[in-house]
């Protein structure tokens, strides 16, 4: 048993009905004037066949485009996730660079203080050496 068309020959999307299986309407005396019922039926059959072929082609095209769209959306989602991951990694490296820069400044400051302390100690050692030399000279 064939499914009945719901609106203008549109069937359930899971059912494929070949054009030759369409139920044809009865053609009676109210048919086209001057045309025999068999001519009207075969013309109607041809129109339905062409309509089915066009519908089938459009449906195939729609399914193909739908598959391409799903593939692009999936790829876009994976790229979005990769982008988020890389942004987090970039923030981490920026923080590390900032910390390194601050630590480098701290180390330079400490080095400067040590060099100043060393210079002070050298001056102090020279002063003590001179004072010792003067005392020896007096003795």
N, C-alpha and C. Protein backbone atom coordinates (compact mmCIF):
# COMPACT_ATOMS: atom_id res chain seq x y z
N UNK A 1 0.85 -1.18 0.00
CA UNK A 1 0.00 0.00 0.00
C UNK A 1 0.89 1.24 0.00
N UNK A 2 0.57 2.20 -0.83
CA UNK A 2 1.36 3.41 -0.97
C UNK A 2 0.88 4.47 0.00
N UNK A 3 1.80 5.30 0.49
CA UNK A 3 1.36 6.39 1.36
C UNK A 3 0.60 7.42 0.55
N UNK A 4 -0.35 8.02 1.16
CA UNK A 4 -1.14 9.04 0.49
C UNK A 4 -0.41 10.37 0.57
N UNK A 5 -0.42 11.14 -0.51
CA UNK A 5 0.22 12.46 -0.46
C UNK A 5 -0.53 13.36 0.50
N UNK A 6 0.24 14.18 1.23
CA UNK A 6 -0.40 15.08 2.18
C UNK A 6 -0.74 16.40 1.53
N UNK A 7 0.24 17.04 0.89
CA UNK A 7 0.00 18.31 0.22
C UNK A 7 0.73 18.29 -1.11
N UNK A 8 0.02 18.42 -2.18
CA UNK A 8 0.60 18.52 -3.52
C UNK A 8 1.66 17.46 -3.80
N UNK A 9 1.41 16.24 -3.45
CA UNK A 9 2.33 15.16 -3.80
C UNK A 9 3.53 15.04 -2.88
N UNK A 10 3.53 15.72 -1.72
CA UNK A 10 4.65 15.63 -0.79
C UNK A 10 4.36 14.49 0.18
N UNK A 11 5.27 13.54 0.24
CA UNK A 11 5.10 12.38 1.10
C UNK A 11 5.98 12.53 2.32
N UNK A 12 5.84 11.60 3.21
CA UNK A 12 6.72 11.52 4.38
C UNK A 12 8.16 11.48 3.86
N UNK A 13 9.08 12.23 4.48
CA UNK A 13 10.45 12.38 3.98
C UNK A 13 11.23 11.07 3.98
N UNK A 14 10.78 10.07 4.71
CA UNK A 14 11.49 8.80 4.75
C UNK A 14 10.98 7.83 3.68
N UNK A 15 9.92 8.19 2.96
CA UNK A 15 9.31 7.31 1.98
C UNK A 15 9.67 7.78 0.58
N UNK A 16 10.16 6.88 -0.23
CA UNK A 16 10.46 7.20 -1.62
C UNK A 16 9.41 6.51 -2.47
N UNK A 17 8.69 7.28 -3.25
CA UNK A 17 7.66 6.74 -4.12
C UNK A 17 8.05 7.08 -5.54
N UNK A 18 8.16 6.07 -6.36
CA UNK A 18 8.52 6.29 -7.76
C UNK A 18 7.35 6.91 -8.50
N UNK A 19 7.62 7.67 -9.58
CA UNK A 19 6.54 8.33 -10.31
C UNK A 19 5.50 7.35 -10.83
N UNK A 20 5.93 6.16 -11.23
CA UNK A 20 4.97 5.20 -11.77
C UNK A 20 4.04 4.66 -10.69
N UNK A 21 4.37 4.86 -9.42
CA UNK A 21 3.54 4.35 -8.33
C UNK A 21 2.56 5.38 -7.80
N UNK A 22 2.62 6.60 -8.33
CA UNK A 22 1.66 7.62 -7.89
C UNK A 22 0.25 7.18 -8.23
N UNK A 23 -0.66 7.45 -7.36
CA UNK A 23 -2.07 7.17 -7.65
C UNK A 23 -2.59 8.28 -8.54
N UNK A 24 -3.09 7.92 -9.69
CA UNK A 24 -3.59 8.93 -10.63
C UNK A 24 -5.06 9.20 -10.37
N UNK A 25 -5.46 10.44 -10.51
CA UNK A 25 -6.88 10.74 -10.32
C UNK A 25 -7.70 10.22 -11.49
N UNK A 26 -8.94 9.99 -11.23
CA UNK A 26 -9.86 9.54 -12.27
C UNK A 26 -10.13 10.69 -13.22
N UNK A 27 -10.07 10.40 -14.50
CA UNK A 27 -10.38 11.42 -15.50
C UNK A 27 -11.70 11.02 -16.12
N UNK A 28 -12.67 11.85 -15.95
CA UNK A 28 -14.00 11.55 -16.47
C UNK A 28 -14.37 12.49 -17.59
N UNK A 29 -15.61 12.73 -17.73
CA UNK A 29 -16.10 13.58 -18.80
C UNK A 29 -15.74 15.04 -18.56
N UNK A 30 -15.29 15.39 -17.34
CA UNK A 30 -14.93 16.78 -17.04
C UNK A 30 -13.49 17.08 -17.42
N UNK A 31 -12.78 16.13 -18.10
CA UNK A 31 -11.39 16.32 -18.50
C UNK A 31 -11.26 17.39 -19.56
N UNK A 32 -10.05 17.54 -20.10
CA UNK A 32 -9.79 18.56 -21.10
C UNK A 32 -10.62 18.30 -22.34
N UNK A 33 -11.17 19.33 -22.92
CA UNK A 33 -12.03 19.17 -24.11
C UNK A 33 -11.20 18.72 -25.29
N UNK A 34 -11.65 17.74 -25.93
CA UNK A 34 -10.99 17.26 -27.12
C UNK A 34 -9.85 16.29 -26.84
N UNK A 35 -9.46 16.10 -25.59
CA UNK A 35 -8.37 15.17 -25.27
C UNK A 35 -8.97 13.88 -24.78
N UNK A 36 -8.34 12.80 -25.17
CA UNK A 36 -8.81 11.51 -24.69
C UNK A 36 -8.31 11.29 -23.28
N UNK A 37 -9.00 10.53 -22.47
CA UNK A 37 -8.58 10.30 -21.09
C UNK A 37 -7.17 9.71 -21.00
N UNK A 38 -6.76 8.87 -21.88
CA UNK A 38 -5.42 8.28 -21.80
C UNK A 38 -4.35 9.32 -22.09
N UNK A 39 -4.63 10.27 -22.99
CA UNK A 39 -3.65 11.33 -23.27
C UNK A 39 -3.48 12.24 -22.06
N UNK A 40 -4.60 12.56 -21.41
CA UNK A 40 -4.54 13.40 -20.21
C UNK A 40 -3.77 12.67 -19.12
N UNK A 41 -4.03 11.38 -18.95
CA UNK A 41 -3.34 10.60 -17.92
C UNK A 41 -1.85 10.53 -18.20
N UNK A 42 -1.46 10.28 -19.45
CA UNK A 42 -0.03 10.17 -19.72
C UNK A 42 0.65 11.53 -19.59
N UNK A 43 -0.03 12.62 -19.96
CA UNK A 43 0.56 13.96 -19.77
C UNK A 43 0.71 14.24 -18.27
N UNK A 44 -0.33 13.89 -17.52
CA UNK A 44 -0.26 14.10 -16.08
C UNK A 44 0.85 13.25 -15.46
N UNK A 45 0.98 12.02 -15.94
CA UNK A 45 2.04 11.12 -15.46
C UNK A 45 3.41 11.72 -15.76
N UNK A 46 3.58 12.28 -16.95
CA UNK A 46 4.86 12.89 -17.32
C UNK A 46 5.16 14.09 -16.43
N UNK A 47 4.16 14.90 -16.14
CA UNK A 47 4.35 16.06 -15.27
C UNK A 47 4.75 15.59 -13.87
N UNK A 48 4.10 14.59 -13.39
CA UNK A 48 4.45 14.06 -12.06
C UNK A 48 5.86 13.48 -12.05
N UNK A 49 6.23 12.78 -13.11
CA UNK A 49 7.57 12.20 -13.20
C UNK A 49 8.63 13.30 -13.19
N UNK A 50 8.40 14.34 -13.98
CA UNK A 50 9.35 15.46 -14.02
C UNK A 50 9.42 16.18 -12.68
N UNK A 51 8.24 16.33 -12.06
CA UNK A 51 8.19 16.97 -10.75
C UNK A 51 8.98 16.14 -9.73
N UNK A 52 8.79 14.82 -9.77
CA UNK A 52 9.50 13.94 -8.85
C UNK A 52 11.00 14.03 -9.08
N UNK A 53 11.43 14.05 -10.35
CA UNK A 53 12.87 14.14 -10.64
C UNK A 53 13.45 15.46 -10.13
N UNK A 54 12.72 16.55 -10.34
CA UNK A 54 13.21 17.85 -9.86
C UNK A 54 13.25 17.87 -8.33
N UNK A 55 12.19 17.35 -7.72
CA UNK A 55 12.15 17.31 -6.25
C UNK A 55 13.29 16.45 -5.71
N UNK A 56 13.52 15.30 -6.34
CA UNK A 56 14.58 14.40 -5.89
C UNK A 56 15.95 15.07 -6.05
N UNK A 57 16.16 15.76 -7.16
CA UNK A 57 17.43 16.45 -7.38
C UNK A 57 17.63 17.54 -6.32
N UNK A 58 16.58 18.32 -6.06
CA UNK A 58 16.69 19.38 -5.04
C UNK A 58 16.91 18.81 -3.65
N UNK A 59 16.24 17.70 -3.35
CA UNK A 59 16.41 17.08 -2.04
C UNK A 59 17.84 16.56 -1.88
N UNK A 60 18.39 15.93 -2.95
CA UNK A 60 19.77 15.44 -2.90
C UNK A 60 20.73 16.60 -2.70
N UNK A 61 20.47 17.68 -3.42
CA UNK A 61 21.33 18.86 -3.28
C UNK A 61 21.25 19.42 -1.86
N UNK A 62 20.05 19.47 -1.32
CA UNK A 62 19.86 19.97 0.05
C UNK A 62 20.60 19.08 1.06
N UNK A 63 20.50 17.78 0.89
CA UNK A 63 21.20 16.86 1.80
C UNK A 63 22.71 17.02 1.69
N UNK A 64 23.21 17.20 0.46
CA UNK A 64 24.65 17.38 0.26
C UNK A 64 25.11 18.67 0.92
N UNK A 65 24.33 19.74 0.73
CA UNK A 65 24.71 21.02 1.36
C UNK A 65 24.59 20.94 2.88
N UNK A 66 23.59 20.20 3.36
CA UNK A 66 23.45 20.02 4.80
C UNK A 66 24.64 19.30 5.40
N UNK A 67 25.13 18.28 4.68
CA UNK A 67 26.31 17.55 5.15
C UNK A 67 27.54 18.46 5.15
N UNK A 68 27.68 19.28 4.10
CA UNK A 68 28.81 20.21 4.06
C UNK A 68 28.71 21.23 5.20
N UNK A 69 27.50 21.68 5.47
CA UNK A 69 27.31 22.65 6.55
C UNK A 69 27.66 22.03 7.90
N UNK A 70 27.20 20.80 8.14
CA UNK A 70 27.53 20.12 9.41
C UNK A 70 29.03 19.95 9.55
N UNK A 71 29.70 19.57 8.45
CA UNK A 71 31.15 19.40 8.48
C UNK A 71 31.84 20.73 8.80
N UNK A 72 31.37 21.81 8.16
CA UNK A 72 31.97 23.13 8.43
C UNK A 72 31.71 23.57 9.86
N UNK A 73 30.51 23.30 10.38
CA UNK A 73 30.20 23.68 11.76
C UNK A 73 31.05 22.89 12.75
N UNK A 74 31.24 21.60 12.47
CA UNK A 74 32.10 20.78 13.34
C UNK A 74 33.53 21.30 13.32
N UNK A 75 34.02 21.61 12.13
CA UNK A 75 35.39 22.13 12.01
C UNK A 75 35.49 23.48 12.72
N UNK A 76 34.46 24.32 12.56
CA UNK A 76 34.46 25.62 13.23
C UNK A 76 34.49 25.47 14.74
N UNK A 77 33.75 24.50 15.26
CA UNK A 77 33.72 24.26 16.71
C UNK A 77 35.09 23.82 17.20
N UNK A 78 35.74 22.92 16.46
CA UNK A 78 37.06 22.46 16.90
C UNK A 78 38.07 23.61 16.81
N UNK A 79 37.95 24.46 15.80
CA UNK A 79 38.85 25.62 15.70
C UNK A 79 38.58 26.62 16.83
N UNK A 80 37.31 26.78 17.21
CA UNK A 80 36.98 27.68 18.31
C UNK A 80 37.61 27.17 19.61
N UNK A 81 37.51 25.87 19.85
CA UNK A 81 38.10 25.28 21.06
C UNK A 81 39.62 25.42 21.05
N UNK A 82 40.24 25.19 19.88
CA UNK A 82 41.68 25.34 19.77
C UNK A 82 42.08 26.79 20.01
N UNK A 83 41.29 27.73 19.50
CA UNK A 83 41.57 29.15 19.70
C UNK A 83 41.50 29.51 21.18
N UNK A 84 40.48 29.01 21.88
CA UNK A 84 40.37 29.28 23.32
C UNK A 84 41.58 28.71 24.07
N UNK A 85 41.98 27.51 23.69
CA UNK A 85 43.14 26.88 24.33
C UNK A 85 44.40 27.71 24.11
N UNK A 86 44.59 28.18 22.88
CA UNK A 86 45.78 28.98 22.56
C UNK A 86 45.73 30.35 23.25
N UNK A 87 44.55 30.92 23.41
CA UNK A 87 44.44 32.19 24.13
C UNK A 87 44.85 32.04 25.59
N UNK A 88 44.44 30.93 26.21
CA UNK A 88 44.84 30.67 27.60
C UNK A 88 46.35 30.49 27.68
N UNK A 89 46.90 29.74 26.72
CA UNK A 89 48.34 29.53 26.70
C UNK A 89 49.08 30.86 26.49
N UNK A 90 48.57 31.70 25.60
CA UNK A 90 49.18 33.02 25.36
C UNK A 90 49.14 33.87 26.63
N UNK A 91 48.01 33.86 27.35
CA UNK A 91 47.92 34.61 28.61
C UNK A 91 48.96 34.11 29.61
N UNK A 92 49.15 32.79 29.67
CA UNK A 92 50.14 32.21 30.57
C UNK A 92 51.54 32.71 30.21
N UNK A 93 51.88 32.68 28.91
CA UNK A 93 53.21 33.11 28.50
C UNK A 93 53.42 34.60 28.71
N UNK A 94 52.37 35.39 28.54
CA UNK A 94 52.49 36.84 28.81
C UNK A 94 52.75 37.07 30.30
N UNK A 95 52.05 36.31 31.14
CA UNK A 95 52.25 36.43 32.57
C UNK A 95 53.68 36.04 32.94
N UNK A 96 54.17 34.93 32.34
CA UNK A 96 55.54 34.50 32.60
C UNK A 96 56.54 35.55 32.14
N UNK A 97 56.31 36.17 30.99
CA UNK A 97 57.21 37.21 30.50
C UNK A 97 57.19 38.42 31.44
N UNK A 98 56.01 38.78 31.93
CA UNK A 98 55.89 39.89 32.88
C UNK A 98 56.64 39.58 34.16
N UNK A 99 56.45 38.35 34.68
CA UNK A 99 57.16 37.95 35.90
C UNK A 99 58.66 37.95 35.68
N UNK A 100 59.11 37.45 34.54
CA UNK A 100 60.53 37.41 34.24
C UNK A 100 61.10 38.82 34.15
N UNK A 101 60.35 39.70 33.52
CA UNK A 101 60.78 41.09 33.40
C UNK A 101 60.90 41.74 34.78
N UNK A 102 59.90 41.51 35.62
CA UNK A 102 59.96 42.06 36.98
C UNK A 102 61.11 41.45 37.76
N UNK A 103 61.33 40.14 37.62
CA UNK A 103 62.41 39.49 38.33
C UNK A 103 63.76 39.99 37.84
N UNK A 104 63.86 40.22 36.54
CA UNK A 104 65.10 40.76 35.98
C UNK A 104 65.37 42.15 36.56
N UNK A 105 64.32 42.99 36.65
CA UNK A 105 64.49 44.32 37.25
C UNK A 105 64.93 44.21 38.71
N UNK A 106 64.32 43.27 39.44
CA UNK A 106 64.67 43.06 40.84
C UNK A 106 66.14 42.63 40.95
N UNK A 107 66.56 41.69 40.10
CA UNK A 107 67.95 41.23 40.13
C UNK A 107 68.92 42.35 39.77
N UNK A 108 68.59 43.19 38.80
CA UNK A 108 69.44 44.32 38.43
C UNK A 108 69.57 45.29 39.60
N UNK A 109 68.46 45.52 40.29
CA UNK A 109 68.47 46.41 41.46
C UNK A 109 69.37 45.83 42.56
N UNK A 110 69.23 44.53 42.81
CA UNK A 110 70.06 43.87 43.83
C UNK A 110 71.54 43.91 43.43
N UNK A 111 71.82 43.68 42.15
CA UNK A 111 73.20 43.74 41.67
C UNK A 111 73.79 45.14 41.88
N UNK A 112 72.97 46.15 41.56
CA UNK A 112 73.42 47.54 41.75
C UNK A 112 73.73 47.81 43.22
N UNK A 113 72.86 47.33 44.12
CA UNK A 113 73.11 47.53 45.56
C UNK A 113 74.38 46.81 46.00
N UNK A 114 74.60 45.58 45.52
CA UNK A 114 75.80 44.83 45.88
C UNK A 114 77.06 45.52 45.36
N UNK A 115 76.97 46.05 44.12
CA UNK A 115 78.13 46.75 43.57
C UNK A 115 78.44 48.01 44.38
N UNK A 116 77.38 48.73 44.79
CA UNK A 116 77.59 49.93 45.62
C UNK A 116 78.20 49.54 46.97
N UNK A 117 77.71 48.43 47.55
CA UNK A 117 78.27 47.97 48.83
C UNK A 117 79.72 47.55 48.66
N UNK A 118 80.04 46.87 47.58
CA UNK A 118 81.41 46.46 47.30
C UNK A 118 82.32 47.67 47.12
N UNK A 119 81.83 48.65 46.38
CA UNK A 119 82.62 49.89 46.19
C UNK A 119 82.86 50.59 47.53
N UNK A 120 81.81 50.63 48.36
CA UNK A 120 81.96 51.24 49.69
C UNK A 120 83.01 50.48 50.49
N UNK A 121 82.96 49.12 50.44
CA UNK A 121 83.93 48.33 51.19
C UNK A 121 85.36 48.51 50.66
N UNK A 122 85.51 48.66 49.34
CA UNK A 122 86.84 48.92 48.78
C UNK A 122 87.39 50.25 49.28
N UNK A 123 86.54 51.27 49.27
CA UNK A 123 86.97 52.60 49.77
C UNK A 123 87.33 52.49 51.24
N UNK A 124 86.50 51.78 52.01
CA UNK A 124 86.76 51.61 53.44
C UNK A 124 88.05 50.82 53.66
N UNK A 125 88.29 49.77 52.88
CA UNK A 125 89.53 48.98 53.02
C UNK A 125 90.74 49.84 52.69
N UNK A 126 90.64 50.68 51.65
CA UNK A 126 91.76 51.58 51.31
C UNK A 126 92.02 52.57 52.46
N UNK A 127 90.97 53.08 53.06
CA UNK A 127 91.13 54.02 54.16
C UNK A 127 91.80 53.35 55.36
N UNK A 128 91.38 52.12 55.67
CA UNK A 128 91.98 51.40 56.80
C UNK A 128 93.45 51.09 56.49
N UNK A 129 93.75 50.65 55.25
CA UNK A 129 95.13 50.37 54.85
C UNK A 129 96.01 51.62 55.00
N UNK A 130 95.48 52.75 54.57
CA UNK A 130 96.24 54.02 54.70
C UNK A 130 96.46 54.37 56.17
N UNK A 131 95.45 54.17 57.00
CA UNK A 131 95.58 54.47 58.42
C UNK A 131 96.63 53.55 59.05
N UNK A 132 96.64 52.27 58.66
CA UNK A 132 97.64 51.32 59.17
C UNK A 132 99.05 51.74 58.74
N UNK A 133 99.19 52.13 57.51
CA UNK A 133 100.48 52.53 56.99
C UNK A 133 101.01 53.75 57.76
N UNK A 134 100.13 54.67 58.06
CA UNK A 134 100.53 55.87 58.81
C UNK A 134 100.96 55.50 60.23
N UNK A 135 100.26 54.57 60.86
CA UNK A 135 100.63 54.14 62.19
C UNK A 135 101.96 53.43 62.20
N UNK A 136 102.25 52.61 61.25
CA UNK A 136 103.54 51.92 61.15
C UNK A 136 104.67 52.94 60.94
N UNK A 137 104.33 53.93 60.14
CA UNK A 137 105.36 54.95 59.89
C UNK A 137 105.67 55.73 61.17
N UNK A 138 104.72 55.88 62.01
CA UNK A 138 104.94 56.64 63.25
C UNK A 138 105.66 55.76 64.28
N UNK A 139 105.56 54.50 64.21
CA UNK A 139 106.16 53.66 65.24
C UNK A 139 107.57 53.43 64.95
